[in-house]
Amino acid sequence: MGESGIRGKAQFVEPMLLLRTDSLPDGPEWLHELKLDGYRALAIKAGGKVELRSRNDNDFTLRYAEIAKALKAMPNETVLDGEVVALGANGKPSFNTLQNYGSASTPLHFFIFDVLILRGKDVMGLTLTKRRELLEEQILPKLAEPIRLSPVLHAPLKDLIQSVKAQSFEGLVAKRADSKYEPGQRSGAWMKMRVNQGQELVIAGYTPSLRNFDALVIGYYDGPKLMYAARTRNGFTPASRAELFKKLKPLEIKECPFANLPEKKSGRWGAGLTAAKMVECRWLKPLLVGQFEFVEWTGENHLRHTRFIALREDKKPRDVKREQ
């Protein structure tokens, strides 16, 4: 369809996907935006009725009724791509706040970053730059809070990364300015990089794999008690797994060293370590300390999206506390 000018009814389109990377491209041909820690959603107005649909085409309309209501003024037969975001107490996007949404006092916003169909015309074949112009000129002037445009960040990439780290945002997105909208594709025209928080944590267990280990079980000290925080399987290469396993194996013990295990529930995201899940674990003397990155602490005192960075030889396990 693209620029063919075909007109028709607005309907669900499978969202274009972002390719995860450890380093984003820079240069005038790339646009950078904040990576917003929320739920991807399409806003669809067809036959005068607004719907919010998840990336998997589930109905978000009633769940985020205030956002749907605020989108009523968008042009008819139009499809917008964006992110439902909850702002935490610090005014920053918080996925944990969004996950537990149910309170009228939680500030929700819908950040729009693309338009796919405008007044029945498929505009996905236009460049991203042109589509953003359509957003700014023909759509955003009709809408008000809590609808916002996801802004393009104008600064050198290294400065943006420093700023995102300083402000504790989730990460950055890079999109080719000349890119078409590719439904359901992860072509690399859009890329994302996580810029996480981090701290040292004590490695006191692991779940085994056929060769060595699948995930590390990690925590921190609260007074004399070692408290479980998360399991992580991210951040390893096959070689680094093998090397680390040599250090884990001699530290094996029978008893679980964590004071707060087992937990009663695995929780919505499965981070909780129940008695049933503990059967898989191998426990370790809490002597190794690692540096880990993560997005945030959840309300259940678990870490979300953890990633192993490196062992820390310079930190004593008993000195590892939960950092605020």
Protein backbone atom coordinates (compact mmCIF):
# COMPACT_ATOMS: atom_id res chain seq x y z
CA MET A 1 0.00 0.00 0.00
CA GLY A 2 2.54 2.62 1.18
CA GLU A 3 2.17 5.89 -0.71
CA SER A 4 -0.42 4.50 -3.08
CA GLY A 5 -3.11 6.59 -1.47
CA ILE A 6 -5.44 3.63 -0.97
CA ARG A 7 -8.20 4.59 1.42
CA GLY A 8 -9.98 2.25 3.75
CA LYS A 9 -10.95 1.52 7.31
CA ALA A 10 -8.43 1.86 10.11
CA GLN A 11 -7.61 -1.51 11.66
CA PHE A 12 -5.01 -3.29 13.77
CA VAL A 13 -1.52 -3.43 12.25
CA GLU A 14 1.19 -5.61 13.75
CA PRO A 15 3.65 -3.14 15.34
CA MET A 16 7.16 -2.68 13.97
CA LEU A 17 9.75 -4.13 16.37
CA LEU A 18 13.03 -2.83 17.76
CA LEU A 19 16.32 -4.71 17.48
CA ARG A 20 18.16 -4.92 20.81
CA THR A 21 21.79 -3.77 20.67
CA ASP A 22 24.63 -2.92 23.07
CA SER A 23 25.64 0.18 21.06
CA LEU A 24 23.37 2.50 19.12
CA PRO A 25 24.23 4.07 15.75
CA ASP A 26 24.81 7.83 15.59
CA GLY A 27 24.78 10.40 12.81
CA PRO A 28 22.34 12.70 10.98
CA GLU A 29 20.48 9.77 9.40
CA TRP A 30 19.37 8.53 12.88
CA LEU A 31 16.71 9.93 15.24
CA HIS A 32 17.05 9.21 18.96
CA GLU A 33 14.21 8.93 21.47
CA LEU A 34 13.89 7.84 25.08
CA LYS A 35 13.02 4.17 25.57
CA LEU A 36 9.84 4.42 27.62
CA ASP A 37 9.26 1.66 30.15
CA GLY A 38 5.59 0.90 29.47
CA TYR A 39 3.14 -1.09 27.37
CA ARG A 40 3.27 -0.74 23.59
CA ALA A 41 -0.18 0.08 22.23
CA LEU A 42 -1.92 1.06 19.00
CA ALA A 43 -4.62 3.72 19.12
CA ILE A 44 -7.22 2.97 16.44
CA LYS A 45 -10.14 5.22 15.58
CA ALA A 46 -12.50 3.50 13.15
CA GLY A 47 -16.12 4.43 12.48
CA GLY A 48 -15.80 7.21 15.05
CA LYS A 49 -14.90 4.76 17.85
CA VAL A 50 -11.50 4.69 19.61
CA GLU A 51 -9.82 1.44 20.64
CA LEU A 52 -6.49 0.79 22.34
CA ARG A 53 -4.89 -2.52 21.31
CA SER A 54 -1.78 -4.19 22.74
CA ARG A 55 1.09 -5.28 20.49
CA ASN A 56 -0.50 -8.76 20.56
CA ASP A 57 -3.91 -7.33 19.60
CA ASN A 58 -5.45 -7.59 23.08
CA ASP A 59 -7.99 -4.94 24.08
CA PHE A 60 -6.55 -2.21 26.32
CA THR A 61 -9.53 0.16 25.89
CA LEU A 62 -11.32 -0.43 29.19
CA ARG A 63 -8.10 -0.99 31.10
CA TYR A 64 -6.81 2.46 30.13
CA ALA A 65 -10.16 4.17 29.67
CA GLU A 66 -8.84 7.66 30.45
CA ILE A 67 -6.34 7.43 27.61
CA ALA A 68 -8.97 6.12 25.19
CA LYS A 69 -11.24 9.02 26.20
CA ALA A 70 -8.43 11.55 25.62
CA LEU A 71 -7.88 10.12 22.11
CA LYS A 72 -11.47 10.78 20.99
CA ALA A 73 -10.40 13.93 19.17
CA MET A 74 -7.90 12.09 16.94
CA PRO A 75 -8.86 12.02 13.22
CA ASN A 76 -11.28 9.29 12.16
CA GLU A 77 -9.93 6.18 10.36
CA THR A 78 -6.49 6.71 11.89
CA VAL A 79 -3.96 4.35 13.55
CA LEU A 80 -1.27 5.65 15.92
CA ASP A 81 1.63 3.74 17.50
CA GLY A 82 2.76 4.60 21.00
CA GLU A 83 3.43 3.57 24.59
CA VAL A 84 1.20 3.59 27.66
CA VAL A 85 3.40 4.86 30.48
CA ALA A 86 2.81 5.25 34.22
CA LEU A 87 4.78 7.91 36.04
CA GLY A 88 6.11 6.92 39.46
CA ALA A 89 6.39 9.12 42.54
CA ASN A 90 9.57 10.66 41.11
CA GLY A 91 7.78 11.68 37.90
CA LYS A 92 9.70 9.13 35.80
CA PRO A 93 8.30 6.16 33.85
CA SER A 94 7.91 3.13 36.12
CA PHE A 95 6.92 -0.25 34.75
CA ASN A 96 6.26 -1.49 38.28
CA THR A 97 3.74 1.32 38.80
CA LEU A 98 2.08 0.49 35.49
CA GLN A 99 1.98 -3.23 36.29
CA ASN A 100 0.12 -2.48 39.53
CA TYR A 101 -2.11 0.16 37.94
CA GLY A 102 -5.59 0.35 39.37
CA SER A 103 -5.57 3.63 41.19
CA ALA A 104 -7.10 6.79 39.78
CA SER A 105 -4.20 8.69 41.36
CA THR A 106 -1.61 6.98 39.13
CA PRO A 107 -0.64 9.43 36.35
CA LEU A 108 -0.92 7.57 33.04
CA HIS A 109 0.25 8.99 29.72
CA PHE A 110 0.20 7.83 26.12
CA PHE A 111 3.36 8.81 24.24
CA ILE A 112 2.75 8.71 20.48
CA PHE A 113 5.75 8.09 18.21
CA ASP A 114 4.26 7.10 14.86
CA VAL A 115 1.23 7.25 12.56
CA LEU A 116 0.40 4.27 10.31
CA ILE A 117 -2.94 5.22 8.81
CA LEU A 118 -4.22 8.79 8.62
CA ARG A 119 -7.85 9.47 7.69
CA GLY A 120 -8.02 6.13 5.87
CA LYS A 121 -4.77 6.59 3.96
CA ASP A 122 -1.89 4.18 4.52
CA VAL A 123 1.19 6.33 5.26
CA MET A 124 3.55 3.50 6.29
CA GLY A 125 5.50 3.87 3.04
CA LEU A 126 6.46 7.46 3.89
CA THR A 127 9.72 8.17 5.71
CA LEU A 128 9.73 8.37 9.49
CA THR A 129 10.62 12.06 9.24
CA LYS A 130 7.52 12.69 7.11
CA ARG A 131 5.29 10.59 9.40
CA ARG A 132 6.47 12.59 12.42
CA GLU A 133 5.62 15.80 10.54
CA LEU A 134 2.09 14.46 10.02
CA LEU A 135 1.90 13.69 13.75
CA GLU A 136 3.00 17.17 14.74
CA GLU A 137 0.91 19.05 12.19
CA GLN A 138 -2.30 17.05 11.84
CA ILE A 139 -2.73 14.96 14.99
CA LEU A 140 -1.09 16.39 18.11
CA PRO A 141 -2.80 19.83 17.83
CA LYS A 142 -6.16 18.03 18.30
CA LEU A 143 -5.05 16.17 21.44
CA ALA A 144 -4.28 17.19 25.01
CA GLU A 145 -2.98 15.60 28.23
CA PRO A 146 -2.42 12.79 28.96
CA ILE A 147 -1.49 12.36 25.26
CA ARG A 148 2.06 13.41 24.41
CA LEU A 149 4.49 13.17 21.52
CA SER A 150 7.59 11.08 22.18
CA PRO A 151 10.25 13.74 21.55
CA VAL A 152 13.31 13.38 19.34
CA LEU A 153 16.42 14.07 21.42
CA HIS A 154 18.85 16.50 19.82
CA ALA A 155 22.32 15.93 21.30
CA PRO A 156 25.42 13.82 20.63
CA LEU A 157 24.76 10.15 21.46
CA LYS A 158 27.42 10.00 24.18
CA ASP A 159 25.76 12.96 25.94
CA LEU A 160 22.34 11.31 25.65
CA ILE A 161 23.66 8.09 27.22
CA GLN A 162 25.22 10.04 30.10
CA SER A 163 21.98 11.94 30.64
CA VAL A 164 19.83 8.79 30.56
CA LYS A 165 22.13 7.16 33.13
CA ALA A 166 22.07 10.25 35.35
CA GLN A 167 18.26 10.47 35.19
CA SER A 168 17.78 6.70 35.67
CA PHE A 169 15.68 6.28 32.54
CA GLU A 170 15.44 2.82 30.97
CA GLY A 171 17.35 3.40 27.75
CA LEU A 172 17.47 4.91 24.28
CA VAL A 173 15.98 4.14 20.87
CA ALA A 174 17.55 4.91 17.48
CA LYS A 175 15.43 4.99 14.30
CA ARG A 176 16.53 5.65 10.74
CA ALA A 177 15.04 8.97 9.67
CA ASP A 178 14.26 7.57 6.20
CA SER A 179 12.76 4.29 7.45
CA LYS A 180 9.38 3.03 6.31
CA TYR A 181 7.05 1.42 8.86
CA GLU A 182 7.58 -2.36 8.61
CA PRO A 183 4.71 -4.16 10.40
CA GLY A 184 5.86 -7.08 12.55
CA GLN A 185 9.48 -6.76 11.35
CA ARG A 186 12.66 -6.38 13.41
CA SER A 187 14.76 -5.16 10.49
CA GLY A 188 17.27 -3.04 12.40
CA ALA A 189 15.86 0.24 11.06
CA TRP A 190 14.70 0.70 14.66
CA MET A 191 17.09 -0.23 17.48
CA LYS A 192 17.00 -0.09 21.27
CA MET A 193 19.65 -0.03 23.96
CA ARG A 194 19.01 -0.46 27.67
CA VAL A 195 20.89 1.92 29.97
CA ASN A 196 20.33 0.39 33.37
CA GLN A 197 20.78 1.06 36.99
CA GLY A 198 23.25 -1.22 38.68
CA GLN A 199 24.82 -2.34 41.92
CA GLU A 200 26.88 -5.14 43.44
CA LEU A 201 25.01 -8.25 44.56
CA VAL A 202 26.05 -11.47 46.29
CA ILE A 203 26.00 -14.68 44.22
CA ALA A 204 24.69 -17.41 46.54
CA GLY A 205 23.12 -19.95 44.22
CA TYR A 206 22.56 -21.10 40.67
CA THR A 207 20.25 -23.25 38.59
CA PRO A 208 22.16 -25.91 36.61
CA SER A 209 22.23 -26.48 32.87
CA LEU A 210 23.65 -29.44 30.96
CA ARG A 211 27.08 -27.81 30.68
CA ASN A 212 27.33 -25.53 33.72
CA PHE A 213 24.64 -23.10 34.92
CA ASP A 214 21.50 -21.52 33.53
CA ALA A 215 20.90 -18.65 35.99
CA LEU A 216 22.58 -17.09 39.03
CA VAL A 217 20.63 -16.60 42.27
CA ILE A 218 21.59 -13.24 43.76
CA GLY A 219 20.86 -11.08 46.79
CA TYR A 220 22.08 -8.54 49.34
CA TYR A 221 22.61 -8.27 53.09
CA ASP A 222 20.06 -6.67 55.38
CA GLY A 223 21.95 -6.66 58.68
CA PRO A 224 23.15 -10.24 59.21
CA LYS A 225 20.54 -11.71 56.85
CA LEU A 226 21.16 -12.49 53.19
CA MET A 227 18.03 -11.51 51.23
CA TYR A 228 17.10 -13.00 47.86
CA ALA A 229 16.60 -10.40 45.10
CA ALA A 230 16.59 -12.08 41.69
CA ARG A 231 17.74 -14.77 39.30
CA THR A 232 19.58 -13.69 36.18
CA ARG A 233 20.59 -15.56 33.04
CA ASN A 234 21.60 -12.48 31.02
CA GLY A 235 25.04 -11.04 30.34
CA PHE A 236 27.04 -14.24 29.79
CA THR A 237 28.89 -15.69 26.84
CA PRO A 238 29.55 -19.47 26.65
CA ALA A 239 33.17 -18.79 27.62
CA SER A 240 32.32 -16.53 30.57
CA ARG A 241 29.76 -19.09 31.83
CA ALA A 242 32.40 -21.83 31.80
CA GLU A 243 34.94 -19.60 33.55
CA LEU A 244 32.50 -18.46 36.24
CA PHE A 245 31.28 -22.02 36.84
CA LYS A 246 34.81 -23.02 37.87
CA LYS A 247 34.49 -20.53 40.73
CA LEU A 248 30.93 -21.53 41.66
CA LYS A 249 31.39 -25.30 41.88
CA PRO A 250 33.81 -25.40 44.89
CA LEU A 251 31.45 -23.15 46.89
CA GLU A 252 28.45 -25.51 46.85
CA ILE A 253 26.65 -26.11 50.17
CA LYS A 254 23.52 -28.05 51.16
CA GLU A 255 21.53 -25.37 52.99
CA CYS A 256 19.88 -22.35 51.36
CA PRO A 257 21.73 -19.22 52.59
CA PHE A 258 18.85 -16.78 51.91
CA ALA A 259 16.81 -15.73 54.96
CA ASN A 260 13.67 -14.80 52.97
CA LEU A 261 13.24 -18.09 51.08
CA PRO A 262 11.05 -19.84 50.17
CA GLU A 263 8.60 -17.19 49.00
CA LYS A 264 4.88 -17.92 48.94
CA LYS A 265 4.22 -16.75 45.38
CA SER A 266 6.22 -16.60 42.19
CA GLY A 267 4.58 -13.23 41.38
CA ARG A 268 3.28 -11.90 38.12
CA TRP A 269 6.69 -11.90 36.42
CA GLY A 270 7.91 -15.16 37.96
CA ALA A 271 10.77 -13.58 39.92
CA GLY A 272 9.62 -15.09 43.22
CA LEU A 273 11.45 -18.20 44.36
CA THR A 274 8.92 -20.67 45.78
CA ALA A 275 9.67 -23.98 47.51
CA ALA A 276 8.84 -25.79 44.27
CA LYS A 277 11.31 -23.70 42.26
CA MET A 278 13.99 -23.99 44.95
CA VAL A 279 14.26 -27.73 44.21
CA GLU A 280 16.15 -26.77 41.02
CA CYS A 281 18.66 -24.56 42.84
CA ARG A 282 22.20 -25.32 43.93
CA TRP A 283 23.30 -23.22 46.91
CA LEU A 284 26.66 -21.53 47.40
CA LYS A 285 28.67 -20.09 50.25
CA PRO A 286 27.97 -16.34 49.84
CA LEU A 287 31.55 -15.38 49.00
CA LEU A 288 31.31 -14.07 45.41
CA VAL A 289 30.17 -10.55 44.56
CA GLY A 290 29.10 -9.50 41.06
CA GLN A 291 28.19 -6.21 39.42
CA PHE A 292 24.70 -6.33 37.90
CA GLU A 293 22.56 -3.96 35.87
CA PHE A 294 18.79 -3.78 36.22
CA VAL A 295 15.82 -1.57 35.42
CA GLU A 296 14.16 -1.23 38.82
CA TRP A 297 13.17 -2.78 42.13
CA THR A 298 9.60 -4.08 42.04
CA GLY A 299 7.07 -3.68 44.83
CA GLU A 300 7.84 -7.30 45.78
CA ASN A 301 11.51 -6.42 46.41
CA HIS A 302 12.73 -8.21 43.31
CA LEU A 303 14.98 -6.85 40.60
CA ARG A 304 13.57 -6.58 37.08
CA HIS A 305 15.60 -7.20 33.89
CA THR A 306 18.89 -8.08 35.56
CA ARG A 307 22.14 -8.54 33.66
CA PHE A 308 25.51 -9.77 34.88
CA ILE A 309 28.41 -7.38 34.17
CA ALA A 310 31.43 -8.74 36.00
CA LEU A 311 32.75 -10.21 39.25
CA ARG A 312 33.83 -7.67 41.86
CA GLU A 313 36.93 -8.78 43.71
CA ASP A 314 37.11 -5.49 45.60
CA LYS A 315 33.89 -5.79 47.58
CA LYS A 316 33.24 -7.93 50.65
CA PRO A 317 29.92 -9.81 50.52
CA ARG A 318 28.86 -8.48 53.94
CA ASP A 319 29.23 -4.93 52.64
CA VAL A 320 26.67 -5.52 49.88
CA LYS A 321 23.46 -3.71 50.87
CA ARG A 322 20.42 -2.71 48.85
CA GLU A 323 21.26 0.69 47.37
CA GLN A 324 18.55 3.31 47.38
